[in-house]
């Protein structure tokens, strides 16, 4: 028996066996898009189907979406929705305009930043302001005199507006809630109770004005809106009283000599401002031009009653409501502390 020498390779080596994968791969095969075809009528063809350069087609989903929008049932539903919205708007306009004119209300919000700054200074420092009469402009055209109308607030600082009263009303609610939080007396009911209390004061004052206009035979809608606008300026003085008293009293509310000093000044400033501003509404000058829906012929007895109402409203009524609003802030804080 002969033995092969060591290191000699075999003539026929055994075949190699490659392993066969036992699990199917789930990774998708990524293929590069085909090259762009040249030509005037050719366009890039997406590997997912559809020509990207075709006009009016957005891929395989565009026909389905377009078919949905062109469906008769969808078109009928859209038309019914538009009709319902138009009917609802017409209903609201007809019922709202039966109480107040929208066009007359818009002019009270025709303000500018300069007007707001000047008006706030006038409300807080009315002592040396002159003149108090409102500016008027002829409403006729081409030389035809058809009466006069008052200028909007953006053109006359003496004109009443509703932008400042509305913003002051919202600011009063926010600052009352903020002060309660700074004192550590905030609770979830503070904002709601403050809003309800302030809204009740506004509604009661509007009811008093409505009763006063009925007794004084004031039938013009513009005069009533002017009175409502002027009634909201007291919130400016109330906000100043709350803020200054809080700083001076170191978080102890509007009590003490500091609170009463600031309150007295803001009350007197607001009363003087109303006394001078409301004169043209309740006691119009018979020598001035007529217009704006105002009646300049006022009987002597009626004029005396309007003078008394002007004094009572500017001093007594405003003192009562401003005192309630400033005391409400302190009572809210005490309620939260309990």
C-alpha atoms as a PDB file:
ATOM      1  CA  UNK A   1       0.000   0.000   0.000  1.00  0.00           C
ATOM      2  CA  UNK A   2       1.529   3.229  -1.235  1.00  0.00           C
ATOM      3  CA  UNK A   3       0.956   6.537   0.434  1.00  0.00           C
ATOM      4  CA  UNK A   4       0.561   9.853  -1.462  1.00  0.00           C
ATOM      5  CA  UNK A   5       3.096  12.447  -0.696  1.00  0.00           C
ATOM      6  CA  UNK A   6       2.106  15.194   1.711  1.00  0.00           C
ATOM      7  CA  UNK A   7       0.996  18.482   0.183  1.00  0.00           C
ATOM      8  CA  UNK A   8      -0.060  17.101  -3.176  1.00  0.00           C
ATOM      9  CA  UNK A   9      -3.413  18.621  -4.302  1.00  0.00           C
ATOM     10  CA  UNK A  10      -6.192  16.299  -5.224  1.00  0.00           C
ATOM     11  CA  UNK A  11      -7.093  16.145  -8.854  1.00  0.00           C
ATOM     12  CA  UNK A  12     -10.878  16.625  -8.273  1.00  0.00           C
ATOM     13  CA  UNK A  13     -11.689  18.863  -5.217  1.00  0.00           C
ATOM     14  CA  UNK A  14     -15.196  18.535  -3.671  1.00  0.00           C
ATOM     15  CA  UNK A  15     -17.834  21.067  -4.962  1.00  0.00           C
ATOM     16  CA  UNK A  16     -18.652  24.166  -2.899  1.00  0.00           C
ATOM     17  CA  UNK A  17     -22.223  24.502  -1.533  1.00  0.00           C
ATOM     18  CA  UNK A  18     -23.503  28.128  -1.092  1.00  0.00           C
ATOM     19  CA  UNK A  19     -26.033  28.693   1.754  1.00  0.00           C
ATOM     20  CA  UNK A  20     -29.611  29.156   0.659  1.00  0.00           C
ATOM     21  CA  UNK A  21     -31.526  32.009   2.469  1.00  0.00           C
ATOM     22  CA  UNK A  22     -34.313  30.696   4.668  1.00  0.00           C
ATOM     23  CA  UNK A  23     -36.266  34.019   5.052  1.00  0.00           C
ATOM     24  CA  UNK A  24     -37.691  36.153   2.272  1.00  0.00           C
ATOM     25  CA  UNK A  25     -36.397  39.732   2.331  1.00  0.00           C
ATOM     26  CA  UNK A  26     -39.099  42.417   2.757  1.00  0.00           C
ATOM     27  CA  UNK A  27     -36.862  45.355   1.740  1.00  0.00           C
ATOM     28  CA  UNK A  28     -38.201  46.822  -1.536  1.00  0.00           C
ATOM     29  CA  UNK A  29     -35.873  46.971  -4.437  1.00  0.00           C
ATOM     30  CA  UNK A  30     -35.010  50.600  -5.230  1.00  0.00           C
ATOM     31  CA  UNK A  31     -34.751  51.404  -8.883  1.00  0.00           C
ATOM     32  CA  UNK A  32     -33.664  54.669 -10.359  1.00  0.00           C
ATOM     33  CA  UNK A  33     -36.149  56.426 -12.645  1.00  0.00           C
ATOM     34  CA  UNK A  34     -35.626  56.053 -16.351  1.00  0.00           C
ATOM     35  CA  UNK A  35     -33.770  58.846 -18.127  1.00  0.00           C
ATOM     36  CA  UNK A  36     -35.752  61.760 -19.466  1.00  0.00           C
ATOM     37  CA  UNK A  37     -36.811  61.377 -23.061  1.00  0.00           C
ATOM     38  CA  UNK A  38     -35.940  64.137 -25.434  1.00  0.00           C
ATOM     39  CA  UNK A  39     -38.502  65.504 -27.776  1.00  0.00           C
ATOM     40  CA  UNK A  40     -41.105  68.271 -27.959  1.00  0.00           C
ATOM     41  CA  UNK A  41     -44.017  66.031 -27.083  1.00  0.00           C
ATOM     42  CA  UNK A  42     -42.388  63.852 -24.552  1.00  0.00           C
ATOM     43  CA  UNK A  43     -42.501  64.357 -20.811  1.00  0.00           C
ATOM     44  CA  UNK A  44     -41.074  62.811 -17.708  1.00  0.00           C
ATOM     45  CA  UNK A  45     -42.818  59.567 -16.871  1.00  0.00           C
ATOM     46  CA  UNK A  46     -42.985  58.777 -13.167  1.00  0.00           C
ATOM     47  CA  UNK A  47     -41.944  55.271 -12.151  1.00  0.00           C
ATOM     48  CA  UNK A  48     -45.208  55.079 -10.204  1.00  0.00           C
ATOM     49  CA  UNK A  49     -47.293  55.732 -13.279  1.00  0.00           C
ATOM     50  CA  UNK A  50     -48.574  58.846 -14.978  1.00  0.00           C
ATOM     51  CA  UNK A  51     -46.926  61.587 -16.994  1.00  0.00           C
ATOM     52  CA  UNK A  52     -45.754  64.479 -14.787  1.00  0.00           C
ATOM     53  CA  UNK A  53     -45.913  67.029 -17.588  1.00  0.00           C
ATOM     54  CA  UNK A  54     -49.455  66.407 -18.666  1.00  0.00           C
ATOM     55  CA  UNK A  55     -51.628  69.468 -18.244  1.00  0.00           C
ATOM     56  CA  UNK A  56     -54.853  69.124 -16.310  1.00  0.00           C
ATOM     57  CA  UNK A  57     -53.850  65.802 -14.712  1.00  0.00           C
ATOM     58  CA  UNK A  58     -52.314  65.441 -11.261  1.00  0.00           C
ATOM     59  CA  UNK A  59     -51.549  61.728 -11.235  1.00  0.00           C
ATOM     60  CA  UNK A  60     -53.677  58.662 -10.757  1.00  0.00           C
ATOM     61  CA  UNK A  61     -55.700  60.324  -7.937  1.00  0.00           C
ATOM     62  CA  UNK A  62     -56.770  63.417  -9.875  1.00  0.00           C
ATOM     63  CA  UNK A  63     -59.598  61.821 -11.837  1.00  0.00           C
ATOM     64  CA  UNK A  64     -61.231  60.491  -8.667  1.00  0.00           C
ATOM     65  CA  UNK A  65     -61.064  63.878  -6.890  1.00  0.00           C
ATOM     66  CA  UNK A  66     -62.337  65.726  -9.916  1.00  0.00           C
ATOM     67  CA  UNK A  67     -65.164  63.290 -10.237  1.00  0.00           C
ATOM     68  CA  UNK A  68     -66.147  63.890  -6.618  1.00  0.00           C
ATOM     69  CA  UNK A  69     -66.286  67.656  -7.080  1.00  0.00           C
ATOM     70  CA  UNK A  70     -68.249  67.309 -10.298  1.00  0.00           C
ATOM     71  CA  UNK A  71     -70.761  64.955  -8.753  1.00  0.00           C
ATOM     72  CA  UNK A  72     -74.335  66.379  -8.949  1.00  0.00           C
ATOM     73  CA  UNK A  73     -75.045  65.422  -5.328  1.00  0.00           C
ATOM     74  CA  UNK A  74     -71.971  67.321  -4.083  1.00  0.00           C
ATOM     75  CA  UNK A  75     -72.866  70.375  -6.124  1.00  0.00           C
ATOM     76  CA  UNK A  76     -76.406  70.321  -4.746  1.00  0.00           C
ATOM     77  CA  UNK A  77     -75.086  70.055  -1.172  1.00  0.00           C
ATOM     78  CA  UNK A  78     -72.779  73.043  -1.659  1.00  0.00           C
ATOM     79  CA  UNK A  79     -75.632  75.067  -3.101  1.00  0.00           C
ATOM     80  CA  UNK A  80     -77.915  74.178  -0.172  1.00  0.00           C
ATOM     81  CA  UNK A  81     -75.174  75.216   2.275  1.00  0.00           C
ATOM     82  CA  UNK A  82     -74.727  78.588   0.584  1.00  0.00           C
ATOM     83  CA  UNK A  83     -78.477  79.178   0.604  1.00  0.00           C
ATOM     84  CA  UNK A  84     -78.726  78.315   4.310  1.00  0.00           C
ATOM     85  CA  UNK A  85     -75.855  80.669   5.198  1.00  0.00           C
ATOM     86  CA  UNK A  86     -77.382  83.505   3.194  1.00  0.00           C
ATOM     87  CA  UNK A  87     -80.775  82.959   4.860  1.00  0.00           C
ATOM     88  CA  UNK A  88     -79.201  82.925   8.334  1.00  0.00           C
ATOM     89  CA  UNK A  89     -77.265  86.121   7.663  1.00  0.00           C
ATOM     90  CA  UNK A  90     -80.368  87.830   6.338  1.00  0.00           C
ATOM     91  CA  UNK A  91     -82.348  86.737   9.408  1.00  0.00           C
ATOM     92  CA  UNK A  92     -79.704  88.075  11.806  1.00  0.00           C
ATOM     93  CA  UNK A  93     -79.373  91.350   9.916  1.00  0.00           C
ATOM     94  CA  UNK A  94     -83.131  91.940   9.819  1.00  0.00           C
ATOM     95  CA  UNK A  95     -83.609  91.264  13.536  1.00  0.00           C
ATOM     96  CA  UNK A  96     -80.463  93.094  14.672  1.00  0.00           C
ATOM     97  CA  UNK A  97     -81.205  96.143  12.564  1.00  0.00           C
ATOM     98  CA  UNK A  98     -84.681  96.358  14.056  1.00  0.00           C
ATOM     99  CA  UNK A  99     -83.025  97.411  17.331  1.00  0.00           C
ATOM    100  CA  UNK A 100     -79.976  99.323  16.103  1.00  0.00           C
ATOM    101  CA  UNK A 101     -78.531 100.535  12.826  1.00  0.00           C
ATOM    102  CA  UNK A 102     -75.301  98.808  11.853  1.00  0.00           C
ATOM    103  CA  UNK A 103     -74.176 101.735   9.723  1.00  0.00           C
ATOM    104  CA  UNK A 104     -74.714 104.118  12.645  1.00  0.00           C
ATOM    105  CA  UNK A 105     -72.773 101.802  14.949  1.00  0.00           C
ATOM    106  CA  UNK A 106     -69.765 101.481  12.633  1.00  0.00           C
ATOM    107  CA  UNK A 107     -68.883 105.160  12.853  1.00  0.00           C
ATOM    108  CA  UNK A 108     -68.218 104.787  16.593  1.00  0.00           C
ATOM    109  CA  UNK A 109     -65.307 102.447  15.811  1.00  0.00           C
ATOM    110  CA  UNK A 110     -63.771 104.700  13.155  1.00  0.00           C
ATOM    111  CA  UNK A 111     -60.725 105.621  15.245  1.00  0.00           C
ATOM    112  CA  UNK A 112     -56.960 105.951  14.881  1.00  0.00           C
ATOM    113  CA  UNK A 113     -54.041 105.443  17.254  1.00  0.00           C
ATOM    114  CA  UNK A 114     -53.537 109.193  17.613  1.00  0.00           C
ATOM    115  CA  UNK A 115     -57.209 109.679  18.458  1.00  0.00           C
ATOM    116  CA  UNK A 116     -57.109 106.961  21.139  1.00  0.00           C
ATOM    117  CA  UNK A 117     -54.046 108.510  22.800  1.00  0.00           C
ATOM    118  CA  UNK A 118     -55.528 112.013  22.759  1.00  0.00           C
ATOM    119  CA  UNK A 119     -58.892 110.762  24.028  1.00  0.00           C
ATOM    120  CA  UNK A 120     -57.338 108.916  26.959  1.00  0.00           C
ATOM    121  CA  UNK A 121     -55.458 112.064  27.961  1.00  0.00           C
ATOM    122  CA  UNK A 122     -58.665 114.060  27.639  1.00  0.00           C
ATOM    123  CA  UNK A 123     -60.612 111.658  29.879  1.00  0.00           C
ATOM    124  CA  UNK A 124     -57.912 111.704  32.579  1.00  0.00           C
ATOM    125  CA  UNK A 125     -56.947 115.400  32.301  1.00  0.00           C
ATOM    126  CA  UNK A 126     -59.995 117.338  31.071  1.00  0.00           C
ATOM    127  CA  UNK A 127     -59.436 120.507  33.072  1.00  0.00           C
ATOM    128  CA  UNK A 128     -57.787 122.768  30.493  1.00  0.00           C
ATOM    129  CA  UNK A 129     -59.304 121.355  27.315  1.00  0.00           C
ATOM    130  CA  UNK A 130     -61.023 123.789  24.904  1.00  0.00           C
ATOM    131  CA  UNK A 131     -63.239 123.801  22.924  1.00  0.00           C
ATOM    132  CA  UNK A 132     -65.724 121.073  23.864  1.00  0.00           C
ATOM    133  CA  UNK A 133     -68.092 121.536  20.942  1.00  0.00           C
ATOM    134  CA  UNK A 134     -68.091 118.898  18.242  1.00  0.00           C
ATOM    135  CA  UNK A 135     -67.064 119.760  14.709  1.00  0.00           C
ATOM    136  CA  UNK A 136     -69.667 119.536  11.939  1.00  0.00           C
ATOM    137  CA  UNK A 137     -69.485 119.261   8.190  1.00  0.00           C
ATOM    138  CA  UNK A 138     -72.109 120.128   5.577  1.00  0.00           C
ATOM    139  CA  UNK A 139     -73.719 116.999   4.225  1.00  0.00           C
ATOM    140  CA  UNK A 140     -74.871 118.647   0.972  1.00  0.00           C
ATOM    141  CA  UNK A 141     -73.058 118.260  -2.344  1.00  0.00           C
ATOM    142  CA  UNK A 142     -72.465 120.716  -5.174  1.00  0.00           C
ATOM    143  CA  UNK A 143     -73.389 123.682  -3.024  1.00  0.00           C
ATOM    144  CA  UNK A 144     -76.754 122.261  -2.032  1.00  0.00           C
ATOM    145  CA  UNK A 145     -77.264 122.665   1.692  1.00  0.00           C
ATOM    146  CA  UNK A 146     -78.864 119.499   3.036  1.00  0.00           C
ATOM    147  CA  UNK A 147     -77.948 119.908   6.696  1.00  0.00           C
ATOM    148  CA  UNK A 148     -74.897 119.089   8.780  1.00  0.00           C
ATOM    149  CA  UNK A 149     -73.453 115.950  10.302  1.00  0.00           C
ATOM    150  CA  UNK A 150     -70.815 115.420  12.988  1.00  0.00           C
ATOM    151  CA  UNK A 151     -67.312 114.323  12.077  1.00  0.00           C
ATOM    152  CA  UNK A 152     -66.242 110.758  12.966  1.00  0.00           C
ATOM    153  CA  UNK A 153     -63.970 110.171  15.967  1.00  0.00           C
ATOM    154  CA  UNK A 154     -60.790 109.915  13.872  1.00  0.00           C
ATOM    155  CA  UNK A 155     -61.305 113.521  12.739  1.00  0.00           C
ATOM    156  CA  UNK A 156     -62.611 115.064  15.967  1.00  0.00           C
ATOM    157  CA  UNK A 157     -61.295 114.316  19.467  1.00  0.00           C
ATOM    158  CA  UNK A 158     -64.578 115.558  20.989  1.00  0.00           C
ATOM    159  CA  UNK A 159     -66.563 112.912  19.139  1.00  0.00           C
ATOM    160  CA  UNK A 160     -67.639 109.893  21.250  1.00  0.00           C
ATOM    161  CA  UNK A 161     -66.471 106.414  20.310  1.00  0.00           C
ATOM    162  CA  UNK A 162     -67.107 102.873  21.486  1.00  0.00           C
ATOM    163  CA  UNK A 163     -63.633 101.485  20.875  1.00  0.00           C
ATOM    164  CA  UNK A 164     -62.153 102.866  24.100  1.00  0.00           C
ATOM    165  CA  UNK A 165     -65.141 101.825  26.283  1.00  0.00           C
ATOM    166  CA  UNK A 166     -65.101  98.259  24.905  1.00  0.00           C
ATOM    167  CA  UNK A 167     -61.333  97.894  25.303  1.00  0.00           C
ATOM    168  CA  UNK A 168     -61.478  99.419  28.787  1.00  0.00           C
ATOM    169  CA  UNK A 169     -64.236  96.986  29.766  1.00  0.00           C
ATOM    170  CA  UNK A 170     -62.106  94.000  28.697  1.00  0.00           C
ATOM    171  CA  UNK A 171     -58.991  95.463  30.351  1.00  0.00           C
ATOM    172  CA  UNK A 172     -60.871  95.937  33.619  1.00  0.00           C
ATOM    173  CA  UNK A 173     -61.752  92.237  33.708  1.00  0.00           C
ATOM    174  CA  UNK A 174     -58.182  91.186  32.893  1.00  0.00           C
ATOM    175  CA  UNK A 175     -56.505  93.527  35.378  1.00  0.00           C
ATOM    176  CA  UNK A 176     -58.886  92.501  38.174  1.00  0.00           C
ATOM    177  CA  UNK A 177     -58.007  88.853  37.540  1.00  0.00           C
ATOM    178  CA  UNK A 178     -54.287  89.683  37.375  1.00  0.00           C
ATOM    179  CA  UNK A 179     -54.341  91.582  40.659  1.00  0.00           C
ATOM    180  CA  UNK A 180     -56.141  88.712  42.365  1.00  0.00           C
ATOM    181  CA  UNK A 181     -53.418  86.372  41.119  1.00  0.00           C
ATOM    182  CA  UNK A 182     -50.612  88.647  42.340  1.00  0.00           C
ATOM    183  CA  UNK A 183     -52.163  88.664  45.800  1.00  0.00           C
ATOM    184  CA  UNK A 184     -52.338  84.879  45.808  1.00  0.00           C
ATOM    185  CA  UNK A 185     -56.136  85.012  45.902  1.00  0.00           C
ATOM    186  CA  UNK A 186     -56.903  83.743  42.402  1.00  0.00           C
ATOM    187  CA  UNK A 187     -59.551  81.078  41.904  1.00  0.00           C
ATOM    188  CA  UNK A 188     -61.302  79.939  38.717  1.00  0.00           C
ATOM    189  CA  UNK A 189     -64.451  81.942  39.450  1.00  0.00           C
ATOM    190  CA  UNK A 190     -62.699  85.344  39.609  1.00  0.00           C
ATOM    191  CA  UNK A 191     -62.860  86.130  35.891  1.00  0.00           C
ATOM    192  CA  UNK A 192     -66.460  84.942  35.515  1.00  0.00           C
ATOM    193  CA  UNK A 193     -67.714  86.819  38.570  1.00  0.00           C
ATOM    194  CA  UNK A 194     -65.887  90.014  37.546  1.00  0.00           C
ATOM    195  CA  UNK A 195     -67.293  89.826  34.029  1.00  0.00           C
ATOM    196  CA  UNK A 196     -70.833  89.243  35.317  1.00  0.00           C
ATOM    197  CA  UNK A 197     -70.574  92.086  37.808  1.00  0.00           C
ATOM    198  CA  UNK A 198     -69.205  94.572  35.266  1.00  0.00           C
ATOM    199  CA  UNK A 199     -71.772  93.514  32.664  1.00  0.00           C
ATOM    200  CA  UNK A 200     -74.579  93.985  35.198  1.00  0.00           C
ATOM    201  CA  UNK A 201     -73.329  97.513  35.915  1.00  0.00           C
ATOM    202  CA  UNK A 202     -73.282  98.332  32.196  1.00  0.00           C
ATOM    203  CA  UNK A 203     -76.784  96.937  31.612  1.00  0.00           C
ATOM    204  CA  UNK A 204     -78.245  98.802  34.597  1.00  0.00           C
ATOM    205  CA  UNK A 205     -76.650 102.046  33.422  1.00  0.00           C
ATOM    206  CA  UNK A 206     -77.999 101.549  29.885  1.00  0.00           C
ATOM    207  CA  UNK A 207     -81.461 100.963  31.379  1.00  0.00           C
ATOM    208  CA  UNK A 208     -81.118 104.220  33.348  1.00  0.00           C
ATOM    209  CA  UNK A 209     -80.098 106.048  30.171  1.00  0.00           C
ATOM    210  CA  UNK A 210     -83.003 104.545  28.273  1.00  0.00           C
ATOM    211  CA  UNK A 211     -85.411 105.673  30.976  1.00  0.00           C
ATOM    212  CA  UNK A 212     -83.819 109.112  31.028  1.00  0.00           C
ATOM    213  CA  UNK A 213     -84.132 109.528  27.255  1.00  0.00           C
ATOM    214  CA  UNK A 214     -87.803 108.567  27.494  1.00  0.00           C
ATOM    215  CA  UNK A 215     -88.497 111.072  30.267  1.00  0.00           C
ATOM    216  CA  UNK A 216     -86.521 113.814  28.535  1.00  0.00           C
ATOM    217  CA  UNK A 217     -88.170 113.118  25.147  1.00  0.00           C
ATOM    218  CA  UNK A 218     -84.917 112.216  23.402  1.00  0.00           C
ATOM    219  CA  UNK A 219     -86.021 110.191  20.402  1.00  0.00           C
ATOM    220  CA  UNK A 220     -82.921 110.387  18.185  1.00  0.00           C
ATOM    221  CA  UNK A 221     -81.021 107.103  17.849  1.00  0.00           C
ATOM    222  CA  UNK A 222     -77.688 108.898  17.527  1.00  0.00           C
ATOM    223  CA  UNK A 223     -78.210 110.709  20.826  1.00  0.00           C
ATOM    224  CA  UNK A 224     -78.910 107.406  22.622  1.00  0.00           C
ATOM    225  CA  UNK A 225     -75.785 105.818  21.136  1.00  0.00           C
ATOM    226  CA  UNK A 226     -73.762 108.843  22.212  1.00  0.00           C
ATOM    227  CA  UNK A 227     -74.982 108.416  25.793  1.00  0.00           C
ATOM    228  CA  UNK A 228     -74.102 104.706  25.738  1.00  0.00           C
ATOM    229  CA  UNK A 229     -70.618 105.531  24.408  1.00  0.00           C
ATOM    230  CA  UNK A 230     -70.008 108.170  27.068  1.00  0.00           C
ATOM    231  CA  UNK A 231     -71.105 105.786  29.818  1.00  0.00           C
ATOM    232  CA  UNK A 232     -68.156 103.483  29.120  1.00  0.00           C
ATOM    233  CA  UNK A 233     -65.388 106.024  29.713  1.00  0.00           C
ATOM    234  CA  UNK A 234     -65.577 105.513  33.459  1.00  0.00           C
ATOM    235  CA  UNK A 235     -63.724 102.201  33.061  1.00  0.00           C
ATOM    236  CA  UNK A 236     -60.599 104.222  32.191  1.00  0.00           C
ATOM    237  CA  UNK A 237     -60.657 105.914  35.591  1.00  0.00           C
ATOM    238  CA  UNK A 238     -61.474 102.633  37.324  1.00  0.00           C
ATOM    239  CA  UNK A 239     -58.456 100.923  35.722  1.00  0.00           C
ATOM    240  CA  UNK A 240     -56.142 103.768  36.756  1.00  0.00           C
ATOM    241  CA  UNK A 241     -57.513 103.613  40.310  1.00  0.00           C
ATOM    242  CA  UNK A 242     -56.925  99.857  40.574  1.00  0.00           C
ATOM    243  CA  UNK A 243     -53.407  99.998  39.128  1.00  0.00           C
ATOM    244  CA  UNK A 244     -52.096 103.018  41.087  1.00  0.00           C
ATOM    245  CA  UNK A 245     -53.696 101.966  44.379  1.00  0.00           C
ATOM    246  CA  UNK A 246     -52.234  98.480  44.018  1.00  0.00           C
ATOM    247  CA  UNK A 247     -48.732  99.891  43.534  1.00  0.00           C
ATOM    248  CA  UNK A 248     -48.932 102.464  46.339  1.00  0.00           C
ATOM    249  CA  UNK A 249     -50.633 100.148  48.839  1.00  0.00           C
ATOM    250  CA  UNK A 250     -48.222  97.273  48.042  1.00  0.00           C
ATOM    251  CA  UNK A 251     -50.887  94.788  47.099  1.00  0.00           C
ATOM    252  CA  UNK A 252     -53.476  95.716  49.745  1.00  0.00           C
ATOM    253  CA  UNK A 253     -56.212  96.764  47.299  1.00  0.00           C
ATOM    254  CA  UNK A 254     -57.893 100.126  46.814  1.00  0.00           C
ATOM    255  CA  UNK A 255     -58.393 100.907  50.485  1.00  0.00           C
ATOM    256  CA  UNK A 256     -56.518 103.477  52.543  1.00  0.00           C
ATOM    257  CA  UNK A 257     -55.726 107.083  51.801  1.00  0.00           C
ATOM    258  CA  UNK A 258     -53.913 106.312  48.546  1.00  0.00           C
ATOM    259  CA  UNK A 259     -56.833 104.398  47.060  1.00  0.00           C
ATOM    260  CA  UNK A 260     -59.369 107.028  48.026  1.00  0.00           C
ATOM    261  CA  UNK A 261     -57.146 109.856  46.728  1.00  0.00           C
ATOM    262  CA  UNK A 262     -56.751 108.263  43.298  1.00  0.00           C
ATOM    263  CA  UNK A 263     -60.440 107.337  43.199  1.00  0.00           C
ATOM    264  CA  UNK A 264     -61.492 110.892  44.046  1.00  0.00           C
ATOM    265  CA  UNK A 265     -59.349 112.341  41.276  1.00  0.00           C
ATOM    266  CA  UNK A 266     -60.470 109.890  38.586  1.00  0.00           C
ATOM    267  CA  UNK A 267     -64.110 110.315  39.598  1.00  0.00           C
ATOM    268  CA  UNK A 268     -63.940 114.126  39.438  1.00  0.00           C
ATOM    269  CA  UNK A 269     -62.104 113.983  36.095  1.00  0.00           C
ATOM    270  CA  UNK A 270     -64.711 111.632  34.618  1.00  0.00           C
ATOM    271  CA  UNK A 271     -67.596 113.716  35.982  1.00  0.00           C
ATOM    272  CA  UNK A 272     -66.142 116.943  34.583  1.00  0.00           C
ATOM    273  CA  UNK A 273     -65.521 115.240  31.235  1.00  0.00           C
ATOM    274  CA  UNK A 274     -69.131 114.010  31.032  1.00  0.00           C
ATOM    275  CA  UNK A 275     -70.552 117.329  32.200  1.00  0.00           C
ATOM    276  CA  UNK A 276     -68.804 119.200  29.412  1.00  0.00           C
ATOM    277  CA  UNK A 277     -69.219 116.563  26.704  1.00  0.00           C
ATOM    278  CA  UNK A 278     -72.888 115.705  27.224  1.00  0.00           C
ATOM    279  CA  UNK A 279     -73.971 119.309  27.068  1.00  0.00           C
ATOM    280  CA  UNK A 280     -74.399 119.216  23.294  1.00  0.00           C
ATOM    281  CA  UNK A 281     -76.518 116.032  23.575  1.00  0.00           C
ATOM    282  CA  UNK A 282     -78.914 117.155  26.295  1.00  0.00           C
ATOM    283  CA  UNK A 283     -78.672 120.932  25.920  1.00  0.00           C
ATOM    284  CA  UNK A 284     -78.056 121.633  22.220  1.00  0.00           C
ATOM    285  CA  UNK A 285     -77.305 125.164  21.118  1.00  0.00           C
ATOM    286  CA  UNK A 286     -80.198 126.618  19.188  1.00  0.00           C
ATOM    287  CA  UNK A 287     -77.907 129.068  17.393  1.00  0.00           C
ATOM    288  CA  UNK A 288     -75.815 126.328  15.753  1.00  0.00           C
ATOM    289  CA  UNK A 289     -76.564 124.571  12.499  1.00  0.00           C
ATOM    290  CA  UNK A 290     -79.115 121.829  12.554  1.00  0.00           C
ATOM    291  CA  UNK A 291     -78.319 118.323  11.542  1.00  0.00           C
ATOM    292  CA  UNK A 292     -77.312 114.946  12.781  1.00  0.00           C
ATOM    293  CA  UNK A 293     -80.847 114.089  13.796  1.00  0.00           C
ATOM    294  CA  UNK A 294     -80.829 116.522  16.732  1.00  0.00           C
ATOM    295  CA  UNK A 295     -83.698 118.722  17.741  1.00  0.00           C
ATOM    296  CA  UNK A 296     -82.506 122.181  18.785  1.00  0.00           C
ATOM    297  CA  UNK A 297     -85.844 123.509  19.945  1.00  0.00           C
ATOM    298  CA  UNK A 298     -86.019 122.638  23.649  1.00  0.00           C
ATOM    299  CA  UNK A 299     -88.662 124.111  25.900  1.00  0.00           C
ATOM    300  CA  UNK A 300     -87.584 125.954  29.029  1.00  0.00           C
ATOM    301  CA  UNK A 301     -89.111 123.399  31.419  1.00  0.00           C
ATOM    302  CA  UNK A 302     -87.588 120.558  29.414  1.00  0.00           C
ATOM    303  CA  UNK A 303     -84.223 122.296  29.495  1.00  0.00           C
ATOM    304  CA  UNK A 304     -84.333 122.532  33.284  1.00  0.00           C
ATOM    305  CA  UNK A 305     -85.086 118.814  33.609  1.00  0.00           C
ATOM    306  CA  UNK A 306     -82.244 117.964  31.245  1.00  0.00           C
ATOM    307  CA  UNK A 307     -79.854 120.116  33.261  1.00  0.00           C
ATOM    308  CA  UNK A 308     -80.826 118.291  36.444  1.00  0.00           C
ATOM    309  CA  UNK A 309     -80.458 114.906  34.748  1.00  0.00           C
ATOM    310  CA  UNK A 310     -77.016 115.914  33.427  1.00  0.00           C
ATOM    311  CA  UNK A 311     -75.816 116.850  36.907  1.00  0.00           C
ATOM    312  CA  UNK A 312     -77.254 113.756  38.607  1.00  0.00           C
ATOM    313  CA  UNK A 313     -75.896 111.414  35.951  1.00  0.00           C
ATOM    314  CA  UNK A 314     -72.426 112.965  35.780  1.00  0.00           C
ATOM    315  CA  UNK A 315     -71.835 113.031  39.536  1.00  0.00           C
ATOM    316  CA  UNK A 316     -74.155 110.827  41.566  1.00  0.00           C
ATOM    317  CA  UNK A 317     -74.689 107.947  39.153  1.00  0.00           C
ATOM    318  CA  UNK A 318     -71.046 107.821  38.073  1.00  0.00           C
ATOM    319  CA  UNK A 319     -69.817 107.953  41.679  1.00  0.00           C
ATOM    320  CA  UNK A 320     -72.029 105.005  42.613  1.00  0.00           C
ATOM    321  CA  UNK A 321     -70.997 102.818  39.666  1.00  0.00           C
ATOM    322  CA  UNK A 322     -67.282 103.658  39.892  1.00  0.00           C
ATOM    323  CA  UNK A 323     -67.305 102.917  43.613  1.00  0.00           C
ATOM    324  CA  UNK A 324     -68.985  99.560  42.971  1.00  0.00           C
ATOM    325  CA  UNK A 325     -66.431  98.613  40.307  1.00  0.00           C
ATOM    326  CA  UNK A 326     -63.428  99.496  42.480  1.00  0.00           C
ATOM    327  CA  UNK A 327     -64.922  97.802  45.551  1.00  0.00           C
ATOM    328  CA  UNK A 328     -65.711  94.710  43.478  1.00  0.00           C
ATOM    329  CA  UNK A 329     -61.987  94.149  42.996  1.00  0.00           C
ATOM    330  CA  UNK A 330     -61.400  94.154  46.754  1.00  0.00           C
ATOM    331  CA  UNK A 331     -64.412  91.968  47.501  1.00  0.00           C
ATOM    332  CA  UNK A 332     -63.251  89.450  44.905  1.00  0.00           C
ATOM    333  CA  UNK A 333     -59.884  89.229  46.591  1.00  0.00           C
ATOM    334  CA  UNK A 334     -61.464  88.687  50.008  1.00  0.00           C
ATOM    335  CA  UNK A 335     -63.732  86.007  48.607  1.00  0.00           C
ATOM    336  CA  UNK A 336     -60.750  84.205  47.107  1.00  0.00           C
ATOM    337  CA  UNK A 337     -58.862  84.412  50.424  1.00  0.00           C
ATOM    338  CA  UNK A 338     -61.735  82.787  52.263  1.00  0.00           C
END
